[in-house]
N, C-alpha and C. Protein backbone atom coordinates (compact mmCIF):
# COMPACT_ATOMS: atom_id res chain seq x y z
N MET A 1 -20.21 -3.60 -10.16
CA MET A 1 -19.40 -4.66 -10.69
C MET A 1 -18.94 -5.57 -9.54
N ALA A 2 -19.01 -6.83 -9.76
CA ALA A 2 -18.60 -7.81 -8.75
C ALA A 2 -17.09 -8.02 -8.80
N PRO A 3 -16.51 -8.37 -7.66
CA PRO A 3 -15.06 -8.65 -7.66
C PRO A 3 -14.70 -9.76 -8.64
N SER A 4 -13.57 -9.61 -9.30
CA SER A 4 -13.10 -10.62 -10.26
C SER A 4 -12.65 -11.88 -9.52
N GLU A 5 -12.46 -12.94 -10.27
CA GLU A 5 -11.94 -14.18 -9.68
C GLU A 5 -10.55 -13.94 -9.08
N ARG A 6 -9.77 -13.11 -9.75
CA ARG A 6 -8.43 -12.79 -9.24
C ARG A 6 -8.53 -12.10 -7.88
N ALA A 7 -9.46 -11.15 -7.75
CA ALA A 7 -9.64 -10.45 -6.47
C ALA A 7 -10.09 -11.43 -5.39
N LYS A 8 -10.96 -12.34 -5.74
CA LYS A 8 -11.42 -13.35 -4.78
C LYS A 8 -10.26 -14.24 -4.33
N GLN A 9 -9.39 -14.58 -5.28
CA GLN A 9 -8.21 -15.40 -4.95
C GLN A 9 -7.28 -14.64 -4.01
N PHE A 10 -7.03 -13.35 -4.30
CA PHE A 10 -6.20 -12.53 -3.41
C PHE A 10 -6.80 -12.50 -2.01
N HIS A 11 -8.13 -12.38 -1.94
CA HIS A 11 -8.79 -12.33 -0.64
C HIS A 11 -8.56 -13.61 0.15
N ARG A 12 -8.75 -14.74 -0.52
CA ARG A 12 -8.54 -16.04 0.15
C ARG A 12 -7.09 -16.18 0.62
N GLU A 13 -6.16 -15.84 -0.26
CA GLU A 13 -4.75 -15.98 0.09
C GLU A 13 -4.34 -14.98 1.18
N ALA A 14 -4.91 -13.79 1.13
CA ALA A 14 -4.61 -12.78 2.16
C ALA A 14 -5.07 -13.27 3.53
N GLU A 15 -6.26 -13.85 3.57
CA GLU A 15 -6.76 -14.39 4.83
C GLU A 15 -5.88 -15.53 5.33
N GLY A 16 -5.23 -16.24 4.40
CA GLY A 16 -4.33 -17.33 4.76
C GLY A 16 -2.94 -16.85 5.17
N GLY A 17 -2.70 -15.55 5.10
CA GLY A 17 -1.44 -15.00 5.57
C GLY A 17 -0.45 -14.62 4.49
N SER A 18 -0.81 -14.75 3.23
CA SER A 18 0.12 -14.40 2.15
C SER A 18 0.35 -12.89 2.12
N LEU A 19 1.61 -12.48 2.29
CA LEU A 19 1.94 -11.06 2.27
C LEU A 19 1.77 -10.47 0.88
N ASP A 20 2.11 -11.24 -0.16
CA ASP A 20 1.91 -10.76 -1.52
C ASP A 20 0.42 -10.53 -1.79
N ALA A 21 -0.42 -11.45 -1.36
CA ALA A 21 -1.87 -11.31 -1.58
C ALA A 21 -2.43 -10.14 -0.78
N GLN A 22 -1.95 -9.94 0.44
CA GLN A 22 -2.39 -8.80 1.23
C GLN A 22 -2.04 -7.50 0.52
N THR A 23 -0.84 -7.46 -0.04
CA THR A 23 -0.39 -6.28 -0.77
C THR A 23 -1.24 -6.05 -2.00
N GLN A 24 -1.45 -7.09 -2.79
CA GLN A 24 -2.24 -6.95 -4.01
C GLN A 24 -3.69 -6.58 -3.71
N LEU A 25 -4.26 -7.18 -2.68
CA LEU A 25 -5.63 -6.85 -2.30
C LEU A 25 -5.70 -5.40 -1.80
N GLY A 26 -4.72 -5.00 -1.00
CA GLY A 26 -4.67 -3.62 -0.52
C GLY A 26 -4.61 -2.62 -1.67
N LEU A 27 -3.76 -2.90 -2.65
CA LEU A 27 -3.65 -2.02 -3.81
C LEU A 27 -4.94 -2.01 -4.61
N GLY A 28 -5.55 -3.19 -4.75
CA GLY A 28 -6.83 -3.28 -5.47
C GLY A 28 -7.91 -2.44 -4.80
N LEU A 29 -7.93 -2.46 -3.49
CA LEU A 29 -8.91 -1.65 -2.75
C LEU A 29 -8.61 -0.16 -2.88
N LEU A 30 -7.35 0.22 -2.92
CA LEU A 30 -6.99 1.63 -3.08
C LEU A 30 -7.36 2.15 -4.47
N GLU A 31 -7.22 1.29 -5.47
CA GLU A 31 -7.43 1.70 -6.85
C GLU A 31 -8.82 1.37 -7.38
N GLY A 32 -9.55 0.53 -6.67
CA GLY A 32 -10.84 0.08 -7.18
C GLY A 32 -10.66 -0.87 -8.36
N ALA A 33 -9.58 -1.62 -8.36
CA ALA A 33 -9.25 -2.54 -9.44
C ALA A 33 -9.91 -3.89 -9.22
N GLU A 34 -9.93 -4.68 -10.28
CA GLU A 34 -10.44 -6.06 -10.22
C GLU A 34 -11.88 -6.14 -9.72
N GLY A 35 -12.67 -5.12 -10.00
CA GLY A 35 -14.07 -5.12 -9.59
C GLY A 35 -14.30 -4.82 -8.12
N LEU A 36 -13.26 -4.41 -7.41
CA LEU A 36 -13.39 -4.08 -6.00
C LEU A 36 -13.85 -2.63 -5.83
N GLU A 37 -14.66 -2.40 -4.81
CA GLU A 37 -15.04 -1.03 -4.45
C GLU A 37 -13.82 -0.37 -3.84
N LYS A 38 -13.65 0.93 -4.07
CA LYS A 38 -12.54 1.64 -3.44
C LYS A 38 -12.79 1.73 -1.94
N GLU A 39 -11.85 1.22 -1.18
CA GLU A 39 -11.88 1.28 0.28
C GLU A 39 -10.49 1.69 0.75
N TYR A 40 -10.27 2.99 0.83
CA TYR A 40 -8.93 3.51 1.11
C TYR A 40 -8.38 3.07 2.47
N VAL A 41 -9.20 3.16 3.49
CA VAL A 41 -8.71 2.81 4.83
C VAL A 41 -8.38 1.32 4.90
N ARG A 42 -9.25 0.49 4.38
CA ARG A 42 -9.00 -0.96 4.41
C ARG A 42 -7.78 -1.31 3.56
N GLY A 43 -7.63 -0.66 2.41
CA GLY A 43 -6.46 -0.91 1.57
C GLY A 43 -5.17 -0.55 2.28
N ALA A 44 -5.15 0.63 2.91
CA ALA A 44 -3.95 1.06 3.64
C ALA A 44 -3.68 0.14 4.83
N THR A 45 -4.74 -0.35 5.47
CA THR A 45 -4.58 -1.26 6.60
C THR A 45 -3.91 -2.57 6.16
N LEU A 46 -4.32 -3.09 5.01
CA LEU A 46 -3.69 -4.31 4.50
C LEU A 46 -2.23 -4.07 4.15
N LEU A 47 -1.93 -2.91 3.57
CA LEU A 47 -0.54 -2.60 3.25
C LEU A 47 0.29 -2.48 4.53
N ARG A 48 -0.28 -1.86 5.56
CA ARG A 48 0.42 -1.73 6.84
C ARG A 48 0.71 -3.09 7.43
N LYS A 49 -0.28 -3.99 7.37
CA LYS A 49 -0.10 -5.33 7.93
C LYS A 49 1.01 -6.08 7.21
N ALA A 50 0.97 -6.09 5.88
CA ALA A 50 1.99 -6.81 5.11
C ALA A 50 3.36 -6.15 5.29
N GLY A 51 3.39 -4.82 5.31
CA GLY A 51 4.64 -4.11 5.50
C GLY A 51 5.27 -4.38 6.86
N SER A 52 4.43 -4.44 7.88
CA SER A 52 4.95 -4.67 9.24
C SER A 52 5.53 -6.08 9.39
N LEU A 53 5.11 -6.97 8.49
CA LEU A 53 5.63 -8.35 8.53
C LEU A 53 6.78 -8.55 7.55
N GLY A 54 7.26 -7.45 6.95
CA GLY A 54 8.45 -7.53 6.13
C GLY A 54 8.29 -7.42 4.63
N HIS A 55 7.09 -7.17 4.13
CA HIS A 55 6.90 -7.02 2.68
C HIS A 55 7.29 -5.60 2.28
N ALA A 56 8.46 -5.47 1.68
CA ALA A 56 9.01 -4.16 1.36
C ALA A 56 8.13 -3.39 0.38
N GLY A 57 7.56 -4.07 -0.61
CA GLY A 57 6.69 -3.38 -1.58
C GLY A 57 5.47 -2.80 -0.90
N ALA A 58 4.88 -3.56 0.03
CA ALA A 58 3.71 -3.06 0.75
C ALA A 58 4.08 -1.85 1.58
N GLU A 59 5.23 -1.91 2.21
CA GLU A 59 5.65 -0.79 3.05
C GLU A 59 5.92 0.45 2.22
N GLY A 60 6.53 0.26 1.06
CA GLY A 60 6.75 1.40 0.17
C GLY A 60 5.45 2.01 -0.30
N CYS A 61 4.48 1.15 -0.65
CA CYS A 61 3.16 1.65 -1.08
C CYS A 61 2.46 2.36 0.08
N LEU A 62 2.62 1.85 1.29
CA LEU A 62 2.03 2.51 2.45
C LEU A 62 2.66 3.89 2.63
N GLY A 63 3.96 3.99 2.40
CA GLY A 63 4.61 5.30 2.46
C GLY A 63 4.01 6.26 1.46
N ALA A 64 3.68 5.75 0.28
CA ALA A 64 3.01 6.58 -0.73
C ALA A 64 1.63 7.00 -0.23
N CYS A 65 0.94 6.11 0.46
CA CYS A 65 -0.38 6.47 1.03
C CYS A 65 -0.22 7.62 2.01
N TYR A 66 0.79 7.53 2.87
CA TYR A 66 1.01 8.62 3.83
C TYR A 66 1.38 9.91 3.12
N ALA A 67 2.21 9.82 2.10
CA ALA A 67 2.61 11.02 1.38
C ALA A 67 1.42 11.71 0.72
N GLN A 68 0.46 10.90 0.26
CA GLN A 68 -0.69 11.44 -0.45
C GLN A 68 -1.92 11.61 0.44
N GLY A 69 -1.90 11.03 1.63
CA GLY A 69 -3.07 11.09 2.49
C GLY A 69 -4.19 10.19 2.01
N THR A 70 -3.84 9.03 1.47
CA THR A 70 -4.82 8.09 0.94
C THR A 70 -5.06 6.97 1.95
N GLY A 71 -6.19 6.99 2.61
CA GLY A 71 -6.54 5.96 3.59
C GLY A 71 -5.92 6.17 4.95
N VAL A 72 -5.07 7.16 5.07
CA VAL A 72 -4.39 7.51 6.32
C VAL A 72 -4.26 9.03 6.35
N GLU A 73 -3.94 9.56 7.51
CA GLU A 73 -3.70 11.00 7.60
C GLU A 73 -2.39 11.33 6.87
N GLN A 74 -2.43 12.37 6.06
CA GLN A 74 -1.24 12.73 5.28
C GLN A 74 -0.07 13.06 6.20
N ASP A 75 1.09 12.48 5.86
CA ASP A 75 2.30 12.68 6.65
C ASP A 75 3.48 12.41 5.74
N SER A 76 4.06 13.44 5.17
CA SER A 76 5.15 13.26 4.21
C SER A 76 6.45 12.83 4.86
N HIS A 77 6.54 12.83 6.18
CA HIS A 77 7.75 12.42 6.88
C HIS A 77 7.66 11.02 7.47
N TRP A 78 6.60 10.29 7.14
CA TRP A 78 6.37 8.97 7.71
C TRP A 78 7.56 8.04 7.52
N ARG A 79 8.15 8.01 6.36
CA ARG A 79 9.25 7.08 6.07
C ARG A 79 10.37 7.22 7.09
N TRP A 80 10.68 8.42 7.46
CA TRP A 80 11.82 8.65 8.33
C TRP A 80 11.54 8.19 9.76
N ARG A 81 10.28 8.10 10.13
CA ARG A 81 9.94 7.67 11.48
C ARG A 81 9.63 6.19 11.56
N GLY A 82 8.98 5.62 10.54
CA GLY A 82 8.52 4.26 10.71
C GLY A 82 8.64 3.35 9.51
N GLY A 83 9.15 3.82 8.41
CA GLY A 83 9.20 3.01 7.20
C GLY A 83 10.36 2.04 7.20
N LYS A 84 10.20 0.91 7.86
CA LYS A 84 11.28 -0.05 8.02
C LYS A 84 11.85 -0.51 6.67
N GLY A 85 10.97 -0.85 5.74
CA GLY A 85 11.44 -1.35 4.45
C GLY A 85 12.33 -0.35 3.74
N ALA A 86 11.90 0.89 3.65
CA ALA A 86 12.68 1.90 2.96
C ALA A 86 13.95 2.22 3.74
N ASP A 87 13.87 2.26 5.06
CA ASP A 87 15.05 2.56 5.86
C ASP A 87 16.10 1.46 5.76
N GLN A 88 15.70 0.24 5.49
CA GLN A 88 16.65 -0.86 5.40
C GLN A 88 17.17 -1.04 3.97
N ASP A 89 16.98 -0.03 3.14
CA ASP A 89 17.51 0.00 1.79
C ASP A 89 16.91 -1.05 0.88
N PHE A 90 15.65 -1.35 1.02
CA PHE A 90 14.97 -2.22 0.09
C PHE A 90 14.58 -1.38 -1.12
N ALA A 91 15.13 -1.70 -2.26
CA ALA A 91 14.91 -0.90 -3.47
C ALA A 91 13.43 -0.79 -3.81
N GLU A 92 12.67 -1.85 -3.66
CA GLU A 92 11.26 -1.82 -4.01
C GLU A 92 10.51 -0.84 -3.12
N ALA A 93 10.77 -0.88 -1.83
CA ALA A 93 10.10 0.05 -0.90
C ALA A 93 10.48 1.48 -1.22
N GLN A 94 11.74 1.71 -1.50
CA GLN A 94 12.17 3.07 -1.81
C GLN A 94 11.53 3.57 -3.09
N PHE A 95 11.41 2.70 -4.09
CA PHE A 95 10.79 3.10 -5.34
C PHE A 95 9.34 3.53 -5.13
N PHE A 96 8.55 2.68 -4.50
CA PHE A 96 7.14 3.01 -4.31
C PHE A 96 6.95 4.21 -3.40
N TYR A 97 7.77 4.32 -2.38
CA TYR A 97 7.69 5.49 -1.52
C TYR A 97 8.03 6.75 -2.31
N GLY A 98 9.10 6.68 -3.10
CA GLY A 98 9.50 7.84 -3.91
C GLY A 98 8.43 8.26 -4.88
N GLN A 99 7.75 7.29 -5.48
CA GLN A 99 6.66 7.61 -6.40
C GLN A 99 5.55 8.37 -5.68
N GLY A 100 5.24 7.94 -4.49
CA GLY A 100 4.19 8.60 -3.72
C GLY A 100 4.57 10.00 -3.31
N VAL A 101 5.80 10.17 -2.86
CA VAL A 101 6.26 11.50 -2.45
C VAL A 101 6.29 12.44 -3.65
N ARG A 102 6.74 11.93 -4.78
CA ARG A 102 6.78 12.77 -5.99
C ARG A 102 5.37 13.22 -6.38
N ALA A 103 4.41 12.30 -6.32
CA ALA A 103 3.03 12.65 -6.65
C ALA A 103 2.49 13.69 -5.67
N TRP A 104 2.82 13.52 -4.39
CA TRP A 104 2.36 14.47 -3.37
C TRP A 104 2.94 15.85 -3.62
N ARG A 105 4.22 15.91 -3.90
CA ARG A 105 4.87 17.21 -4.15
C ARG A 105 4.33 17.85 -5.41
N THR A 106 4.07 17.07 -6.44
CA THR A 106 3.53 17.60 -7.69
C THR A 106 2.16 18.22 -7.45
N ARG A 107 1.34 17.58 -6.63
CA ARG A 107 0.00 18.12 -6.34
C ARG A 107 0.08 19.41 -5.54
N ARG A 108 1.11 19.57 -4.73
CA ARG A 108 1.25 20.78 -3.90
C ARG A 108 1.68 21.98 -4.73
N GLU A 109 2.39 21.75 -5.83
CA GLU A 109 2.95 22.86 -6.61
C GLU A 109 1.91 23.50 -7.50
């Protein structure tokens, strides 16, 4: 399946520096959504880039990647060492990080 027009738009905007587009493209690559092939490492890399520039949602999703070991080496303590968005009390980052940690813990039980 070829990437959708929406995925192509996210790609163009991500290349132009849009943090929202980088986040959406990263998530699309992690999920294989919008006709994109699953590329876990590339998806996590885009989330890291957007998160490092202040996108709290991207950073929270990246925390979920670390909790689950998706596209990065699994590390359930990542938030406490480097998760700026969640540490600065951004509700969106905390929500997505919490979802990832919960999923990780559920899989371990």
